[in-house]
C-alpha atoms as a PDB file:
ATOM      1  CA  MET A   1     -18.568 -13.821  53.885  1.00  0.00           C
ATOM      2  CA  THR A   2     -15.317 -11.943  54.662  1.00  0.00           C
ATOM      3  CA  SER A   3     -12.573 -12.601  52.108  1.00  0.00           C
ATOM      4  CA  GLU A   4      -9.001 -13.628  53.241  1.00  0.00           C
ATOM      5  CA  ARG A   5      -7.579 -10.308  52.042  1.00  0.00           C
ATOM      6  CA  GLU A   6     -10.156  -8.323  54.152  1.00  0.00           C
ATOM      7  CA  LYS A   7      -9.177 -10.541  57.148  1.00  0.00           C
ATOM      8  CA  MET A   8      -5.605  -9.801  56.576  1.00  0.00           C
ATOM      9  CA  ALA A   9      -6.252  -6.136  56.415  1.00  0.00           C
ATOM     10  CA  SER A  10      -8.137  -6.377  59.744  1.00  0.00           C
ATOM     11  CA  GLY A  11      -5.451  -8.116  61.596  1.00  0.00           C
ATOM     12  CA  ALA A  12      -7.647 -11.271  62.005  1.00  0.00           C
ATOM     13  CA  TRP A  13      -6.319 -14.946  61.375  1.00  0.00           C
ATOM     14  CA  TYR A  14      -6.501 -15.568  57.559  1.00  0.00           C
ATOM     15  CA  CYS A  15      -5.458 -18.365  55.254  1.00  0.00           C
ATOM     16  CA  CYS A  16      -2.650 -17.087  53.099  1.00  0.00           C
ATOM     17  CA  VAL A  17      -3.247 -19.920  50.440  1.00  0.00           C
ATOM     18  CA  ASP A  18      -5.923 -17.843  48.336  1.00  0.00           C
ATOM     19  CA  GLU A  19      -6.325 -17.076  44.969  1.00  0.00           C
ATOM     20  CA  GLU A  20      -6.802 -13.229  45.376  1.00  0.00           C
ATOM     21  CA  LEU A  21      -3.771 -13.153  47.407  1.00  0.00           C
ATOM     22  CA  ASP A  22      -1.860 -15.328  44.929  1.00  0.00           C
ATOM     23  CA  ALA A  23      -2.628 -12.819  42.345  1.00  0.00           C
ATOM     24  CA  MET A  24      -1.567  -9.908  44.490  1.00  0.00           C
ATOM     25  CA  ARG A  25       1.818 -11.588  45.299  1.00  0.00           C
ATOM     26  CA  MET A  26       2.427 -12.459  41.647  1.00  0.00           C
ATOM     27  CA  ALA A  27       1.923  -8.624  40.769  1.00  0.00           C
ATOM     28  CA  ALA A  28       4.422  -7.784  43.528  1.00  0.00           C
ATOM     29  CA  ARG A  29       7.037 -10.064  41.832  1.00  0.00           C
ATOM     30  CA  ARG A  30       6.725  -8.680  38.704  1.00  0.00           C
ATOM     31  CA  ALA A  31       6.992  -5.052  39.921  1.00  0.00           C
ATOM     32  CA  CYS A  32      10.022  -6.051  41.946  1.00  0.00           C
ATOM     33  CA  HIS A  33      11.354  -7.865  38.846  1.00  0.00           C
ATOM     34  CA  ALA A  34      10.991  -4.789  36.712  1.00  0.00           C
ATOM     35  CA  HIS A  35      12.570  -2.785  39.449  1.00  0.00           C
ATOM     36  CA  ALA A  36      15.496  -5.052  39.496  1.00  0.00           C
ATOM     37  CA  THR A  37      15.919  -4.975  35.782  1.00  0.00           C
ATOM     38  CA  MET A  38      15.639  -1.169  35.443  1.00  0.00           C
ATOM     39  CA  ASP A  39      18.080   0.908  33.483  1.00  0.00           C
ATOM     40  CA  PRO A  40      20.666   2.219  36.242  1.00  0.00           C
ATOM     41  CA  ASP A  41      20.592   5.553  34.659  1.00  0.00           C
ATOM     42  CA  ASN A  42      16.898   6.060  35.352  1.00  0.00           C
ATOM     43  CA  ARG A  43      16.362   9.107  37.423  1.00  0.00           C
ATOM     44  CA  GLY A  44      13.150   8.032  38.564  1.00  0.00           C
ATOM     45  CA  ASN A  45      14.462   6.130  41.547  1.00  0.00           C
ATOM     46  CA  MET A  46      12.119   3.363  41.217  1.00  0.00           C
ATOM     47  CA  ALA A  47      10.532   1.333  38.449  1.00  0.00           C
ATOM     48  CA  PRO A  48       7.080   2.829  37.334  1.00  0.00           C
ATOM     49  CA  GLU A  49       5.490  -0.751  38.097  1.00  0.00           C
ATOM     50  CA  LEU A  50       6.738  -0.810  41.764  1.00  0.00           C
ATOM     51  CA  ARG A  51       5.822   3.000  42.336  1.00  0.00           C
ATOM     52  CA  ALA A  52       2.172   2.104  41.227  1.00  0.00           C
ATOM     53  CA  LEU A  53       2.076  -0.902  43.274  1.00  0.00           C
ATOM     54  CA  LEU A  54       3.033   0.866  46.606  1.00  0.00           C
ATOM     55  CA  GLY A  55       0.497   2.299  48.963  1.00  0.00           C
ATOM     56  CA  ARG A  56       2.537   5.394  49.003  1.00  0.00           C
ATOM     57  CA  ALA A  57       6.057   6.319  47.911  1.00  0.00           C
ATOM     58  CA  ASP A  58       6.307  10.166  47.857  1.00  0.00           C
ATOM     59  CA  THR A  59      10.041  10.776  47.122  1.00  0.00           C
ATOM     60  CA  ALA A  60      11.144   7.494  48.582  1.00  0.00           C
ATOM     61  CA  PHE A  61      14.454   5.930  46.875  1.00  0.00           C
ATOM     62  CA  ILE A  62      14.534   2.062  46.704  1.00  0.00           C
ATOM     63  CA  GLU A  63      17.828   0.432  45.657  1.00  0.00           C
ATOM     64  CA  ALA A  64      17.658  -2.811  43.755  1.00  0.00           C
ATOM     65  CA  PRO A  65      17.160  -5.527  44.288  1.00  0.00           C
ATOM     66  CA  PHE A  66      14.099  -5.265  46.448  1.00  0.00           C
ATOM     67  CA  HIS A  67      11.379  -7.577  47.518  1.00  0.00           C
ATOM     68  CA  CYS A  68       7.915  -7.287  48.858  1.00  0.00           C
ATOM     69  CA  ALA A  69       4.919  -9.482  49.368  1.00  0.00           C
ATOM     70  CA  TYR A  70       2.154  -7.285  48.300  1.00  0.00           C
ATOM     71  CA  GLY A  71       3.339  -3.717  47.889  1.00  0.00           C
ATOM     72  CA  ALA A  72       0.015  -2.026  48.577  1.00  0.00           C
ATOM     73  CA  ASN A  73       0.486  -2.178  52.321  1.00  0.00           C
ATOM     74  CA  ILE A  74       3.949  -0.088  52.280  1.00  0.00           C
ATOM     75  CA  HIS A  75       3.737   3.543  52.930  1.00  0.00           C
ATOM     76  CA  LEU A  76       6.985   5.425  52.572  1.00  0.00           C
ATOM     77  CA  SER A  77       7.246   9.192  53.304  1.00  0.00           C
ATOM     78  CA  THR A  78       9.409  11.964  51.863  1.00  0.00           C
ATOM     79  CA  GLY A  79      13.089  11.268  51.741  1.00  0.00           C
ATOM     80  CA  VAL A  80      12.949   7.702  52.643  1.00  0.00           C
ATOM     81  CA  TYR A  81      16.066   5.569  51.603  1.00  0.00           C
ATOM     82  CA  ILE A  82      15.879   1.883  51.254  1.00  0.00           C
ATOM     83  CA  ASN A  83      19.276   0.325  50.460  1.00  0.00           C
ATOM     84  CA  ALA A  84      19.719  -2.954  48.312  1.00  0.00           C
ATOM     85  CA  ALA A  85      18.388  -6.351  49.151  1.00  0.00           C
ATOM     86  CA  CYS A  86      15.764  -5.255  51.545  1.00  0.00           C
ATOM     87  CA  VAL A  87      12.801  -7.415  52.102  1.00  0.00           C
ATOM     88  CA  PHE A  88       9.383  -6.383  53.128  1.00  0.00           C
ATOM     89  CA  LEU A  89       6.721  -9.162  53.864  1.00  0.00           C
ATOM     90  CA  ASP A  90       4.066  -6.591  53.932  1.00  0.00           C
ATOM     91  CA  THR A  91       0.948  -8.627  54.947  1.00  0.00           C
ATOM     92  CA  GLY A  92       0.265  -5.829  57.332  1.00  0.00           C
ATOM     93  CA  ARG A  93       0.978  -2.074  57.011  1.00  0.00           C
ATOM     94  CA  ILE A  94       4.464  -0.776  56.847  1.00  0.00           C
ATOM     95  CA  GLU A  95       4.763   2.820  57.563  1.00  0.00           C
ATOM     96  CA  ILE A  96       8.081   4.390  57.208  1.00  0.00           C
ATOM     97  CA  GLY A  97       8.485   8.351  58.395  1.00  0.00           C
ATOM     98  CA  PRO A  98      10.207  11.119  56.577  1.00  0.00           C
ATOM     99  CA  GLY A  99      13.926  11.069  56.217  1.00  0.00           C
ATOM    100  CA  SER A 100      14.376   7.346  57.505  1.00  0.00           C
ATOM    101  CA  MET A 101      17.106   5.313  56.117  1.00  0.00           C
ATOM    102  CA  LEU A 102      17.451   1.387  55.915  1.00  0.00           C
ATOM    103  CA  GLY A 103      20.891  -0.218  55.327  1.00  0.00           C
ATOM    104  CA  PRO A 104      21.080  -3.147  52.942  1.00  0.00           C
ATOM    105  CA  GLY A 105      19.410  -6.373  53.822  1.00  0.00           C
ATOM    106  CA  VAL A 106      17.025  -5.017  56.315  1.00  0.00           C
ATOM    107  CA  HIS A 107      14.066  -7.317  56.699  1.00  0.00           C
ATOM    108  CA  ILE A 108      10.566  -6.153  57.721  1.00  0.00           C
ATOM    109  CA  TYR A 109       8.100  -9.049  58.646  1.00  0.00           C
ATOM    110  CA  CYS A 110       4.414  -8.426  59.201  1.00  0.00           C
ATOM    111  CA  ALA A 111       3.272 -11.908  58.956  1.00  0.00           C
ATOM    112  CA  ASP A 112       2.890 -13.924  62.218  1.00  0.00           C
ATOM    113  CA  HIS A 113       2.314 -17.483  61.457  1.00  0.00           C
ATOM    114  CA  HIS A 114       0.073 -19.573  63.710  1.00  0.00           C
ATOM    115  CA  HIS A 115       1.973 -21.209  66.598  1.00  0.00           C
ATOM    116  CA  ASP A 116      -0.355 -24.398  66.485  1.00  0.00           C
ATOM    117  CA  PRO A 117       1.578 -26.458  63.853  1.00  0.00           C
ATOM    118  CA  ALA A 118      -1.579 -27.821  62.270  1.00  0.00           C
ATOM    119  CA  LEU A 119      -3.175 -24.528  61.785  1.00  0.00           C
ATOM    120  CA  ARG A 120       0.165 -23.202  60.508  1.00  0.00           C
ATOM    121  CA  GLN A 121       0.321 -26.162  58.020  1.00  0.00           C
ATOM    122  CA  GLN A 122      -3.193 -24.881  56.829  1.00  0.00           C
ATOM    123  CA  GLY A 123      -1.856 -21.547  56.023  1.00  0.00           C
ATOM    124  CA  LEU A 124      -3.204 -19.584  58.861  1.00  0.00           C
ATOM    125  CA  GLU A 125      -1.287 -16.465  59.952  1.00  0.00           C
ATOM    126  CA  ARG A 126      -2.215 -12.690  60.890  1.00  0.00           C
ATOM    127  CA  ALA A 127      -0.792  -9.490  59.866  1.00  0.00           C
ATOM    128  CA  LEU A 128       0.792  -7.350  62.459  1.00  0.00           C
ATOM    129  CA  PRO A 129       1.667  -3.695  61.258  1.00  0.00           C
ATOM    130  CA  VAL A 130       5.211  -2.513  61.568  1.00  0.00           C
ATOM    131  CA  SER A 131       5.845   1.394  61.995  1.00  0.00           C
ATOM    132  CA  ILE A 132       9.034   3.399  61.695  1.00  0.00           C
ATOM    133  CA  GLY A 133       9.115   6.881  62.679  1.00  0.00           C
ATOM    134  CA  ALA A 134      11.013   9.949  61.118  1.00  0.00           C
ATOM    135  CA  ASN A 135      14.782  10.155  60.710  1.00  0.00           C
ATOM    136  CA  VAL A 136      15.280   6.677  61.997  1.00  0.00           C
ATOM    137  CA  TRP A 137      18.575   4.771  61.003  1.00  0.00           C
ATOM    138  CA  ILE A 138      18.398   0.968  60.443  1.00  0.00           C
ATOM    139  CA  GLY A 139      21.610  -0.592  60.061  1.00  0.00           C
ATOM    140  CA  GLY A 140      22.199  -3.352  57.401  1.00  0.00           C
ATOM    141  CA  GLY A 141      21.022  -6.831  58.006  1.00  0.00           C
ATOM    142  CA  ALA A 142      18.512  -5.777  60.833  1.00  0.00           C
ATOM    143  CA  ILE A 143      15.266  -7.675  61.206  1.00  0.00           C
ATOM    144  CA  LEU A 144      12.081  -6.219  62.304  1.00  0.00           C
ATOM    145  CA  LEU A 145       9.433  -8.741  63.575  1.00  0.00           C
ATOM    146  CA  PRO A 146       5.671  -8.449  63.126  1.00  0.00           C
ATOM    147  CA  GLY A 147       3.926  -5.617  65.346  1.00  0.00           C
ATOM    148  CA  VAL A 148       6.962  -3.474  66.399  1.00  0.00           C
ATOM    149  CA  SER A 149       7.041   0.170  66.118  1.00  0.00           C
ATOM    150  CA  VAL A 150      10.475   2.357  66.298  1.00  0.00           C
ATOM    151  CA  GLY A 151      10.214   5.887  67.436  1.00  0.00           C
ATOM    152  CA  ASP A 152      11.347   9.088  65.714  1.00  0.00           C
ATOM    153  CA  GLY A 153      15.213   9.433  65.549  1.00  0.00           C
ATOM    154  CA  ALA A 154      16.061   6.030  66.961  1.00  0.00           C
ATOM    155  CA  ILE A 155      18.920   3.992  65.816  1.00  0.00           C
ATOM    156  CA  VAL A 156      18.722   0.352  65.211  1.00  0.00           C
ATOM    157  CA  GLY A 157      22.259  -1.358  64.877  1.00  0.00           C
ATOM    158  CA  ALA A 158      23.245  -3.679  61.881  1.00  0.00           C
ATOM    159  CA  GLY A 159      22.143  -7.141  62.464  1.00  0.00           C
ATOM    160  CA  SER A 160      19.801  -6.556  65.298  1.00  0.00           C
ATOM    161  CA  VAL A 161      16.671  -8.296  65.695  1.00  0.00           C
ATOM    162  CA  LEU A 162      13.743  -6.248  67.030  1.00  0.00           C
ATOM    163  CA  THR A 163      11.333  -8.251  69.040  1.00  0.00           C
ATOM    164  CA  ARG A 164       9.831  -5.083  70.947  1.00  0.00           C
ATOM    165  CA  ASP A 165       9.233  -1.445  70.394  1.00  0.00           C
ATOM    166  CA  VAL A 166      12.150   1.181  70.198  1.00  0.00           C
ATOM    167  CA  THR A 167      11.270   4.494  71.718  1.00  0.00           C
ATOM    168  CA  ALA A 168      12.155   7.699  70.225  1.00  0.00           C
ATOM    169  CA  GLY A 169      15.865   8.560  70.036  1.00  0.00           C
ATOM    170  CA  GLU A 170      16.708   5.137  71.589  1.00  0.00           C
ATOM    171  CA  THR A 171      19.679   3.171  70.145  1.00  0.00           C
ATOM    172  CA  VAL A 172      19.340  -0.544  70.166  1.00  0.00           C
ATOM    173  CA  VAL A 173      21.586  -3.228  69.228  1.00  0.00           C
ATOM    174  CA  GLY A 174      21.758  -7.352  69.287  1.00  0.00           C
ATOM    175  CA  ASN A 175      19.619 -10.154  69.218  1.00  0.00           C
ATOM    176  CA  PRO A 176      17.368  -9.472  70.518  1.00  0.00           C
ATOM    177  CA  ALA A 177      17.763  -5.801  70.254  1.00  0.00           C
ATOM    178  CA  ARG A 178      18.558  -4.100  73.627  1.00  0.00           C
ATOM    179  CA  ARG A 179      18.921  -0.563  74.395  1.00  0.00           C
ATOM    180  CA  ILE A 180      22.774   0.668  74.749  1.00  0.00           C
ATOM    181  CA  ASP A 181      24.244   4.151  75.886  1.00  0.00           C
ATOM    182  CA  GLU A 182      25.762   5.594  72.758  1.00  0.00           C
ATOM    183  CA  ARG A 183      28.358   7.400  74.877  1.00  0.00           C
ATOM    184  CA  THR A 184      29.945   3.891  75.752  1.00  0.00           C
ATOM    185  CA  VAL A 185      30.146   2.672  72.212  1.00  0.00           C
ATOM    186  CA  HIS A 186      33.202   4.600  70.894  1.00  0.00           C
END
């Protein structure tokens, strides 16, 4: 029999009400708490508990507070900067490329809850990955929905809601986010 964790990792429908997943979420809460209460003079950029929990952290810098669901599904490349109050619901893989920066309060959601109310009430969801390329800027308060990807060098305006992929070098703003010509912004 396949565990709920294995189903989650494969992108299949799984039940999030599960002892193993509950234990993983508790470990993530503890690591995020340790990060939030870390000495501000610490030059390690991240609480050791949080760094150990993440799938990959390279030289990433995460401002406190920070919240993640599991941590193990978060993969941060070299030079990634995550500002304060970001939330990563990493039921699926979250990959952030080198040199990318996220403003304060950016939310990344991988959990796609079932659309049938009865099945949703039973805790059924699936995990869709979110991918962010290299040298991407995501403005404060942006929300990235399950399954989206952002290409290298793209810009996501503050407060935008990404419901679709963003191509490399593209600038998007709004809810839902749509492409704009940067020359007309100034």
